[in-house]
Amino acid sequence: MKNTILFLIALFAMNSCFKKEIDQSSLVSSTDSTVLTVDSSAVAIDAAVNMDTLTDSSSVVETSAIMTFDEASRVNSSAAWKQFLIDNPDYNKKQQIEDNIIRAEVREIAADSNTGQMPEAERVGSSSSAISTIDVENNTSCDLTLLYSGNDAKRIIIAPNSKRKISLGSGRYSVAANACGYNYAGSENLMGDYSVVYYISTVRY
């Protein structure tokens, strides 16, 4: 018995000698697709979180009745508005509900304490107008999903290693993004023309 106890203690001590390396992905933006920098220095996002692990009790809707507009408005989560569309397929203002879903998703992603910080796009030119444009390049190996919530509500999906021009009504926006299973959030004050390149960098600790 004494020998067995000593063996277990020795095994525990050996296991404690191993250290685990953690890879953490960061979303980085730049305005130069060649060197991937913003003003000659890369802007790294502080943290990232796997979208699969994002949990929000407010997004869980438990109901046995048909979801009404008033109830969905009271809960005001992405899950509630999605359930409303399922329960009311003939609703005549579906775009309004789709916009509500986008705005709720942006709030839910931004509210998570582990969501990574998203850098702002770089302004190009000095013009100001009612409509702003952003030239976005996705330099990751995954689909990049961008969610904008402000004067407009818009969901943009950009394929890997692709570019897309986005047009939005000028103003302040809350922005959320997902790439390669990680979530990010930030804000943009759009008033003109902008350009940004996003890519994933890996940091080993």
Foldseek 3Di string as FASTA:
>chain_A
DVVVVVVVVVVVVVVVVDDDKDKFKWKWKDQDPPVRPHVPHIDTWDAKDFPVPQDDPLLDDDDPDQQDPVNCVVSLALNSLVSNCVSCVPDPPVVVSVLSNLVRVLVSLVPDPRAIADDEFADDDDAFDQKEKEKEFEQEQWWKWKFKDDPGTDIDIAGHRGIDMDIDGAAKIWMWMDTPRIIYIDIYRTTYYTYMYIYMDIDMD
